PDB file of N, CA and C in Angstrom:
ATOM      1  N   MET A   1       4.435  -9.348  -3.585  1.00  0.00           N
ATOM      2  CA  MET A   1       4.195  -7.606  -2.712  1.00  0.00           C
ATOM      3  C   MET A   1       4.983  -6.578  -3.407  1.00  0.00           C
ATOM      4  N   LYS A   2       3.990  -5.399  -3.111  1.00  0.00           N
ATOM      5  CA  LYS A   2       4.134  -4.490  -3.762  1.00  0.00           C
ATOM      6  C   LYS A   2       4.770  -3.587  -3.147  1.00  0.00           C
ATOM      7  N   LYS A   3       5.757  -2.454  -2.798  1.00  0.00           N
ATOM      8  CA  LYS A   3       6.257  -1.629  -2.029  1.00  0.00           C
ATOM      9  C   LYS A   3       5.823  -1.340  -1.093  1.00  0.00           C
ATOM     10  N   ARG A   4       4.080  -0.615  -1.362  1.00  0.00           N
ATOM     11  CA  ARG A   4       3.493  -0.348  -1.317  1.00  0.00           C
ATOM     12  C   ARG A   4       2.987  -0.349   0.135  1.00  0.00           C
ATOM     13  N   GLN A   5       2.450  -1.708  -0.037  1.00  0.00           N
ATOM     14  CA  GLN A   5       2.266  -3.100   0.752  1.00  0.00           C
ATOM     15  C   GLN A   5       2.923  -3.148   1.503  1.00  0.00           C
ATOM     16  N   ALA A   6       4.579  -3.596   1.650  1.00  0.00           N
ATOM     17  CA  ALA A   6       5.403  -3.981   2.785  1.00  0.00           C
ATOM     18  C   ALA A   6       5.217  -2.938   3.593  1.00  0.00           C
ATOM     19  N   GLN A   7       5.351  -1.196   2.556  1.00  0.00           N
ATOM     20  CA  GLN A   7       5.573  -0.057   3.371  1.00  0.00           C
ATOM     21  C   GLN A   7       4.521  -0.118   4.362  1.00  0.00           C
ATOM     22  N   GLU A   8       3.336  -0.720   4.506  1.00  0.00           N
ATOM     23  CA  GLU A   8       1.794  -0.505   5.509  1.00  0.00           C
ATOM     24  C   GLU A   8       2.724  -1.745   6.131  1.00  0.00           C
ATOM     25  N   ILE A   9       2.981  -2.510   5.973  1.00  0.00           N
ATOM     26  CA  ILE A   9       2.885  -3.912   6.982  1.00  0.00           C
ATOM     27  C   ILE A   9       3.788  -3.175   7.771  1.00  0.00           C
ATOM     28  N   SER A  10       5.079  -2.545   7.172  1.00  0.00           N
ATOM     29  CA  SER A  10       6.544  -2.051   8.208  1.00  0.00           C
ATOM     30  C   SER A  10       5.192  -1.263   9.437  1.00  0.00           C
ATOM     31  N   ASP A  11       4.748  -0.450   9.175  1.00  0.00           N
ATOM     32  CA  ASP A  11       4.349   0.779   9.597  1.00  0.00           C
ATOM     33  C   ASP A  11       3.585   0.098  10.718  1.00  0.00           C
ATOM     34  N   GLN A  12       2.557  -1.122  10.575  1.00  0.00           N
ATOM     35  CA  GLN A  12       1.989  -1.288  11.322  1.00  0.00           C
ATOM     36  C   GLN A  12       2.374  -2.083  12.799  1.00  0.00           C
ATOM     37  N   ILE A  13       3.709  -2.200  12.274  1.00  0.00           N
ATOM     38  CA  ILE A  13       4.117  -3.241  13.269  1.00  0.00           C
ATOM     39  C   ILE A  13       5.363  -2.399  14.099  1.00  0.00           C
ATOM     40  N   VAL A  14       5.784  -1.400  12.882  1.00  0.00           N
ATOM     41  CA  VAL A  14       6.320  -0.117  13.989  1.00  0.00           C
ATOM     42  C   VAL A  14       4.988   0.292  15.090  1.00  0.00           C
ATOM     43  N   ALA A  15       4.027   0.852  14.722  1.00  0.00           N
ATOM     44  CA  ALA A  15       2.753   1.309  15.294  1.00  0.00           C
ATOM     45  C   ALA A  15       2.369   0.180  16.806  1.00  0.00           C
ATOM     46  N   VAL A  16       2.598  -1.299  17.000  1.00  0.00           N
ATOM     47  CA  VAL A  16       2.674  -2.263  17.808  1.00  0.00           C
ATOM     48  C   VAL A  16       3.455  -1.686  18.413  1.00  0.00           C
ATOM     49  N   LEU A  17       5.079  -1.724  17.840  1.00  0.00           N
ATOM     50  CA  LEU A  17       6.382  -1.683  19.135  1.00  0.00           C
ATOM     51  C   LEU A  17       6.204  -0.617  19.877  1.00  0.00           C
ATOM     52  N   ARG A  18       6.121   0.742  18.992  1.00  0.00           N
ATOM     53  CA  ARG A  18       5.649   2.168  19.698  1.00  0.00           C
ATOM     54  C   ARG A  18       4.841   2.037  20.931  1.00  0.00           C
ATOM     55  N   ALA A  19       2.929   1.363  20.628  1.00  0.00           N
ATOM     56  CA  ALA A  19       2.060   1.653  21.732  1.00  0.00           C
ATOM     57  C   ALA A  19       2.736   0.521  23.029  1.00  0.00           C
ATOM     58  N   LYS A  20       3.333  -0.586  23.307  1.00  0.00           N
ATOM     59  CA  LYS A  20       3.776  -1.143  23.645  1.00  0.00           C
ATOM     60  C   LYS A  20       4.584  -0.877  24.506  1.00  0.00           C
ATOM     61  N   ARG A  21       5.649  -0.201  23.896  1.00  0.00           N
ATOM     62  CA  ARG A  21       6.296   1.045  24.496  1.00  0.00           C
ATOM     63  C   ARG A  21       5.589   1.763  25.796  1.00  0.00           C
ATOM     64  N   ILE A  22       4.859   2.558  24.825  1.00  0.00           N
ATOM     65  CA  ILE A  22       4.136   3.268  25.679  1.00  0.00           C
ATOM     66  C   ILE A  22       3.571   2.921  26.693  1.00  0.00           C
ATOM     67  N   GLU A  23       2.646   1.386  26.628  1.00  0.00           N
ATOM     68  CA  GLU A  23       1.928   0.841  27.464  1.00  0.00           C
ATOM     69  C   GLU A  23       2.744   0.510  28.617  1.00  0.00           C
ATOM     70  N   ARG A  24       4.302   0.391  28.239  1.00  0.00           N
ATOM     71  CA  ARG A  24       4.994   0.054  29.468  1.00  0.00           C
ATOM     72  C   ARG A  24       5.794   0.716  30.191  1.00  0.00           C
ATOM     73  N   ALA A  25       5.239   2.315  29.664  1.00  0.00           N
ATOM     74  CA  ALA A  25       5.714   3.167  30.309  1.00  0.00           C
ATOM     75  C   ALA A  25       7.233   3.203  30.487  1.00  0.00           C
ATOM     76  N   ILE A  26       7.865   2.842  29.243  1.00  0.00           N
ATOM     77  CA  ILE A  26       9.489   3.118  28.620  1.00  0.00           C
ATOM     78  C   ILE A  26       9.257   4.184  28.030  1.00  0.00           C
ATOM     79  N   THR A  27      10.104   4.994  28.189  1.00  0.00           N
ATOM     80  CA  THR A  27      10.834   5.796  27.608  1.00  0.00           C
ATOM     81  C   THR A  27      11.239   5.660  26.076  1.00  0.00           C
ATOM     82  N   GLN A  28      11.541   6.771  25.230  1.00  0.00           N
ATOM     83  CA  GLN A  28      12.607   6.494  24.105  1.00  0.00           C
ATOM     84  C   GLN A  28      13.835   6.252  24.900  1.00  0.00           C
ATOM     85  N   TYR A  29      14.211   7.354  25.670  1.00  0.00           N
ATOM     86  CA  TYR A  29      15.865   7.249  25.958  1.00  0.00           C
ATOM     87  C   TYR A  29      15.842   5.926  26.843  1.00  0.00           C
ATOM     88  N   LYS A  30      14.754   5.634  27.291  1.00  0.00           N
ATOM     89  CA  LYS A  30      15.255   4.395  28.127  1.00  0.00           C
ATOM     90  C   LYS A  30      15.405   2.767  27.235  1.00  0.00           C
ATOM     91  N   MET A  31      14.463   3.270  26.146  1.00  0.00           N
ATOM     92  CA  MET A  31      14.727   1.685  25.032  1.00  0.00           C
ATOM     93  C   MET A  31      16.032   2.050  24.464  1.00  0.00           C
ATOM     94  N   ALA A  32      16.339   3.354  24.019  1.00  0.00           N
ATOM     95  CA  ALA A  32      17.817   3.279  23.138  1.00  0.00           C
ATOM     96  C   ALA A  32      18.749   3.113  23.805  1.00  0.00           C
ATOM     97  N   LYS A  33      18.875   2.921  25.405  1.00  0.00           N
ATOM     98  CA  LYS A  33      19.828   2.936  26.105  1.00  0.00           C
ATOM     99  C   LYS A  33      19.897   1.212  26.542  1.00  0.00           C
ATOM    100  N   ASP A  34      18.548   0.664  26.446  1.00  0.00           N
ATOM    101  CA  ASP A  34      19.093  -1.071  26.756  1.00  0.00           C
ATOM    102  C   ASP A  34      19.150  -0.969  25.525  1.00  0.00           C
ATOM    103  N   THR A  35      18.814  -0.714  24.556  1.00  0.00           N
ATOM    104  CA  THR A  35      19.191  -1.251  23.145  1.00  0.00           C
ATOM    105  C   THR A  35      20.296  -1.400  22.440  1.00  0.00           C
ATOM    106  N   GLY A  36      21.081  -0.181  23.280  1.00  0.00           N
ATOM    107  CA  GLY A  36      21.959   0.507  21.847  1.00  0.00           C
ATOM    108  C   GLY A  36      22.086   1.210  21.044  1.00  0.00           C
ATOM    109  N   MET A  37      20.814   1.349  21.104  1.00  0.00           N
ATOM    110  CA  MET A  37      20.528   2.383  19.645  1.00  0.00           C
ATOM    111  C   MET A  37      20.327   3.367  19.875  1.00  0.00           C
ATOM    112  N   SER A  38      20.422   4.912  19.092  1.00  0.00           N
ATOM    113  CA  SER A  38      20.596   6.119  19.547  1.00  0.00           C
ATOM    114  C   SER A  38      18.774   6.625  20.149  1.00  0.00           C
ATOM    115  N   LYS A  39      18.676   7.169  20.950  1.00  0.00           N
ATOM    116  CA  LYS A  39      17.450   8.237  20.770  1.00  0.00           C
ATOM    117  C   LYS A  39      16.316   8.605  19.794  1.00  0.00           C
ATOM    118  N   SER A  40      17.986   9.170  18.858  1.00  0.00           N
ATOM    119  CA  SER A  40      17.298   9.770  17.386  1.00  0.00           C
ATOM    120  C   SER A  40      16.630   8.786  16.683  1.00  0.00           C
ATOM    121  N   SER A  41      16.948   7.456  16.653  1.00  0.00           N
ATOM    122  CA  SER A  41      16.809   6.247  15.758  1.00  0.00           C
ATOM    123  C   SER A  41      15.359   5.920  15.981  1.00  0.00           C
ATOM    124  N   ILE A  42      15.212   5.461  17.383  1.00  0.00           N
ATOM    125  CA  ILE A  42      13.746   5.366  17.900  1.00  0.00           C
ATOM    126  C   ILE A  42      13.028   6.812  17.559  1.00  0.00           C
ATOM    127  N   LEU A  43      13.193   7.863  17.806  1.00  0.00           N
ATOM    128  CA  LEU A  43      12.597   8.923  17.338  1.00  0.00           C
ATOM    129  C   LEU A  43      12.018   8.971  15.877  1.00  0.00           C
ATOM    130  N   TYR A  44      12.843   8.631  15.161  1.00  0.00           N
ATOM    131  CA  TYR A  44      12.731   8.456  13.105  1.00  0.00           C
ATOM    132  C   TYR A  44      11.696   7.439  12.964  1.00  0.00           C
ATOM    133  N   ILE A  45      12.046   6.147  13.412  1.00  0.00           N
ATOM    134  CA  ILE A  45      11.651   5.084  13.517  1.00  0.00           C
ATOM    135  C   ILE A  45       9.675   5.119  13.837  1.00  0.00           C
ATOM    136  N   GLU A  46       9.753   5.846  15.146  1.00  0.00           N
ATOM    137  CA  GLU A  46       7.914   5.846  15.717  1.00  0.00           C
ATOM    138  C   GLU A  46       7.728   7.426  14.771  1.00  0.00           C
ATOM    139  N   ASN A  47       8.167   7.711  14.096  1.00  0.00           N
ATOM    140  CA  ASN A  47       7.531   8.665  13.535  1.00  0.00           C
ATOM    141  C   ASN A  47       7.139   8.499  12.025  1.00  0.00           C
ATOM    142  N   PHE A  48       7.880   7.251  11.948  1.00  0.00           N
ATOM    143  CA  PHE A  48       7.428   7.217  10.431  1.00  0.00           C
ATOM    144  C   PHE A  48       8.758   7.601   9.414  1.00  0.00           C
ATOM    145  N   LYS A  49       9.712   8.173   9.708  1.00  0.00           N
ATOM    146  CA  LYS A  49      11.009   8.877   8.881  1.00  0.00           C
ATOM    147  C   LYS A  49      11.738   8.193   8.553  1.00  0.00           C
ATOM    148  N   GLN A  50      11.951   7.212   9.097  1.00  0.00           N
ATOM    149  CA  GLN A  50      13.004   5.850   8.761  1.00  0.00           C
ATOM    150  C   GLN A  50      12.388   4.497   9.119  1.00  0.00           C
ATOM    151  N   ARG A  51      12.268   3.992   7.813  1.00  0.00           N
ATOM    152  CA  ARG A  51      11.918   2.525   8.311  1.00  0.00           C
ATOM    153  C   ARG A  51      13.354   1.494   9.115  1.00  0.00           C
ATOM    154  N   PRO A  52      12.582   0.760   9.914  1.00  0.00           N
ATOM    155  CA  PRO A  52      13.816   0.088  10.513  1.00  0.00           C
ATOM    156  C   PRO A  52      14.127  -1.251   9.358  1.00  0.00           C
ATOM    157  N   SER A  53      15.363  -2.223   9.995  1.00  0.00           N
ATOM    158  CA  SER A  53      15.595  -3.102   9.390  1.00  0.00           C
ATOM    159  C   SER A  53      14.861  -4.592   9.767  1.00  0.00           C
ATOM    160  N   LEU A  54      14.623  -5.313   9.900  1.00  0.00           N
ATOM    161  CA  LEU A  54      14.341  -6.559   9.860  1.00  0.00           C
ATOM    162  C   LEU A  54      14.819  -6.901  11.590  1.00  0.00           C
ATOM    163  N   TYR A  55      16.527  -6.512  11.810  1.00  0.00           N
ATOM    164  CA  TYR A  55      16.953  -7.469  12.158  1.00  0.00           C
ATOM    165  C   TYR A  55      16.353  -6.085  13.775  1.00  0.00           C
ATOM    166  N   THR A  56      15.980  -4.850  13.359  1.00  0.00           N
ATOM    167  CA  THR A  56      16.017  -3.900  14.926  1.00  0.00           C
ATOM    168  C   THR A  56      14.257  -4.410  14.957  1.00  0.00           C
ATOM    169  N   VAL A  57      13.187  -4.497  14.014  1.00  0.00           N
ATOM    170  CA  VAL A  57      12.329  -4.908  14.326  1.00  0.00           C
ATOM    171  C   VAL A  57      11.581  -6.385  15.508  1.00  0.00           C
ATOM    172  N   VAL A  58      12.657  -6.811  15.144  1.00  0.00           N
ATOM    173  CA  VAL A  58      12.928  -7.965  15.895  1.00  0.00           C
ATOM    174  C   VAL A  58      13.573  -8.081  16.827  1.00  0.00           C
ATOM    175  N   MET A  59      14.334  -7.434  16.875  1.00  0.00           N
ATOM    176  CA  MET A  59      15.671  -6.891  18.420  1.00  0.00           C
ATOM    177  C   MET A  59      14.606  -6.348  19.099  1.00  0.00           C
ATOM    178  N   LEU A  60      13.520  -4.743  18.788  1.00  0.00           N
ATOM    179  CA  LEU A  60      12.968  -4.153  19.562  1.00  0.00           C
ATOM    180  C   LEU A  60      11.941  -4.970  20.076  1.00  0.00           C
ATOM    181  N   ALA A  61      10.852  -5.947  19.125  1.00  0.00           N
ATOM    182  CA  ALA A  61       9.887  -7.134  19.605  1.00  0.00           C
ATOM    183  C   ALA A  61      10.429  -7.870  21.076  1.00  0.00           C
ATOM    184  N   ASP A  62      11.729  -8.207  20.779  1.00  0.00           N
ATOM    185  CA  ASP A  62      11.950  -8.534  21.648  1.00  0.00           C
ATOM    186  C   ASP A  62      12.129  -7.958  23.362  1.00  0.00           C
ATOM    187  N   TYR A  63      12.925  -6.814  22.742  1.00  0.00           N
ATOM    188  CA  TYR A  63      12.939  -6.199  24.288  1.00  0.00           C
ATOM    189  C   TYR A  63      11.481  -5.490  24.952  1.00  0.00           C
ATOM    190  N   LEU A  64      10.773  -5.675  23.939  1.00  0.00           N
ATOM    191  CA  LEU A  64       8.980  -5.448  24.036  1.00  0.00           C
ATOM    192  C   LEU A  64       8.536  -6.207  25.013  1.00  0.00           C
ATOM    193  N   GLY A  65       8.949  -7.639  24.297  1.00  0.00           N
ATOM    194  CA  GLY A  65       8.084  -8.700  24.479  1.00  0.00           C
ATOM    195  C   GLY A  65       7.159  -8.966  23.679  1.00  0.00           C
ATOM    196  N   VAL A  66       6.821  -8.435  22.614  1.00  0.00           N
ATOM    197  CA  VAL A  66       5.849  -8.585  21.825  1.00  0.00           C
ATOM    198  C   VAL A  66       6.369  -9.645  20.854  1.00  0.00           C
ATOM    199  N   ASP A  67       5.073 -10.784  20.830  1.00  0.00           N
ATOM    200  CA  ASP A  67       5.314 -11.700  19.380  1.00  0.00           C
ATOM    201  C   ASP A  67       4.945 -11.237  18.473  1.00  0.00           C
ATOM    202  N   LEU A  68       6.060 -11.080  17.321  1.00  0.00           N
ATOM    203  CA  LEU A  68       5.577 -10.604  15.984  1.00  0.00           C
ATOM    204  C   LEU A  68       4.861 -11.151  14.581  1.00  0.00           C
ATOM    205  N   GLY A  69       4.787 -13.045  15.320  1.00  0.00           N
ATOM    206  CA  GLY A  69       3.763 -14.102  14.818  1.00  0.00           C
ATOM    207  C   GLY A  69       2.319 -13.320  15.287  1.00  0.00           C
ATOM    208  N   GLN A  70       2.003 -13.016  16.336  1.00  0.00           N
ATOM    209  CA  GLN A  70       0.452 -12.632  16.733  1.00  0.00           C
ATOM    210  C   GLN A  70       0.644 -11.614  15.713  1.00  0.00           C
ATOM    211  N   VAL A  71       1.173 -10.295  15.946  1.00  0.00           N
ATOM    212  CA  VAL A  71       1.052  -9.405  15.276  1.00  0.00           C
ATOM    213  C   VAL A  71       0.679  -9.818  13.658  1.00  0.00           C
ATOM    214  N   ILE A  72       1.823 -10.135  13.133  1.00  0.00           N
ATOM    215  CA  ILE A  72       1.472 -10.761  11.654  1.00  0.00           C
ATOM    216  C   ILE A  72       0.008 -11.336  11.394  1.00  0.00           C
ATOM    217  N   GLN A  73      -0.058 -11.816  12.149  1.00  0.00           N
ATOM    218  CA  GLN A  73      -1.571 -12.959  12.157  1.00  0.00           C
ATOM    219  C   GLN A  73      -2.393 -12.413  12.284  1.00  0.00           C
ATOM    220  N   LYS A  74      -2.529 -10.747  12.754  1.00  0.00           N
ATOM    221  CA  LYS A  74      -3.854 -10.364  13.548  1.00  0.00           C
ATOM    222  C   LYS A  74      -3.818  -8.936  12.034  1.00  0.00           C
ATOM    223  N   MET A  75      -2.957  -8.641  11.313  1.00  0.00           N
ATOM    224  CA  MET A  75      -3.196  -7.785  10.343  1.00  0.00           C
ATOM    225  C   MET A  75      -3.554  -8.767   8.982  1.00  0.00           C
ATOM    226  N   LYS A  76      -3.792  -9.877   8.789  1.00  0.00           N
ATOM    227  CA  LYS A  76      -4.036 -10.642   7.801  1.00  0.00           C
ATOM    228  C   LYS A  76      -5.976 -10.957   7.729  1.00  0.00           C
TER     229      LYS A  76
END
């Protein structure tokens, strides 16, 4: 897998997480407070200015109730 492909997959996952956060009416501030992250980190991740680590993706997906396996399956 090329770097560009990995970046596109990361961006797609972040877009799904952001959409789920908005769907559930959770503010960036609340998500930051609940997960122990800074609001600016969430802002940077959601605006594609910072790529999250795998740990962060898994933690946010768990917090939002997102099944990453299903997200990845839909990308194929």
